[in-house]
Amino acid sequence: MNIRVLGCHGGELPNFRTTSFLINKSVILDGGAITGVLTLKEQLRVEHVILTHAHADHCRDTLFLADNSVSVNGKGFTIYGMPVVLSHIKQHLLNWHIWPDFTEIPSKEKPVIRMKEAESESTIEIDGLKVTLCLVSHTVPASGVILDDGKSSVVFSSDTGPTDRIWEMASKKDNLKAVFIECSYPDEKEELSILSKHLTPKMVAQEVRKISRNVPVYVYHIKPQFYKQVVKELKQKKGLHMEAVKLNQVIKI
């Protein structure tokens, strides 16, 4: 499994991009940074987009990806997510007011954006990957994601506060090779993290210890204004090796 980090931060400033991962050239996990990173040729290879939730920093570039696709070849892509997430995208973004409804363009029969629902804890197959969503604890309905290519599996927490079920599911994967977990704020901002249902380094350490397997832990979604502080605090957590992912990093699992 080849994972390219297109965006990995919890906000945007120069040299910081919001969450998006390219999996094996054709699958996007979250759409916070697609069209500003990938060339047009690379964008047209994308056939599948998995959205963990409908917050703008995780879905916005799917709008521009659709616009680029319809302008060039119209082949388009399929968006996967929990029913409530797809409903939010359709109602609040693809509503002809915020953005054209590309589920009807160029026609309802052959739209640029197709939507496919995936219930929490259901597994679907996408381009050689078994994809399992799992509801996590965020301010809006959000799902973590487990990807399994038959040889290796990885888990992405999505935006979440303390949660349990996804770690239970991950621990059952004999081929689990890596965990990607969010960490938005430094430890001193724990009250804000709890309110917004995000994690701090201290809380991340507690979450990681819920996993029964010892695998590399990659941290993402750090708020730009706290980046250096969060990275420092992650390194101070004894007994755990946690690495903050970097823009354009390629991780082979």
Foldseek 3Di string as FASTA:
>chain_A
DKKWWAAFAQDDDVQHWFGWIDDPLAEIEFDQGDPVRDDLVSLLSHAEYEFFAQDCNGHVCLQVSLVSCLVPPLQAHEYEYAPVRVVCCVPPCCPVPNGPNQCQPPHVVRGNYHYDYDHAQGWDDDPQWTKHWHFAAFPDTGTKIWIDNPQAIEIEHPFAADGADVLVVLLPDPRYAEYEYEAAAAPVCVVVCVVGGGHALVRVVVNVVSHPDQHEYEYGHYHPVCVVVRQVSNVVDPPHHYHYDHHRDMDDD
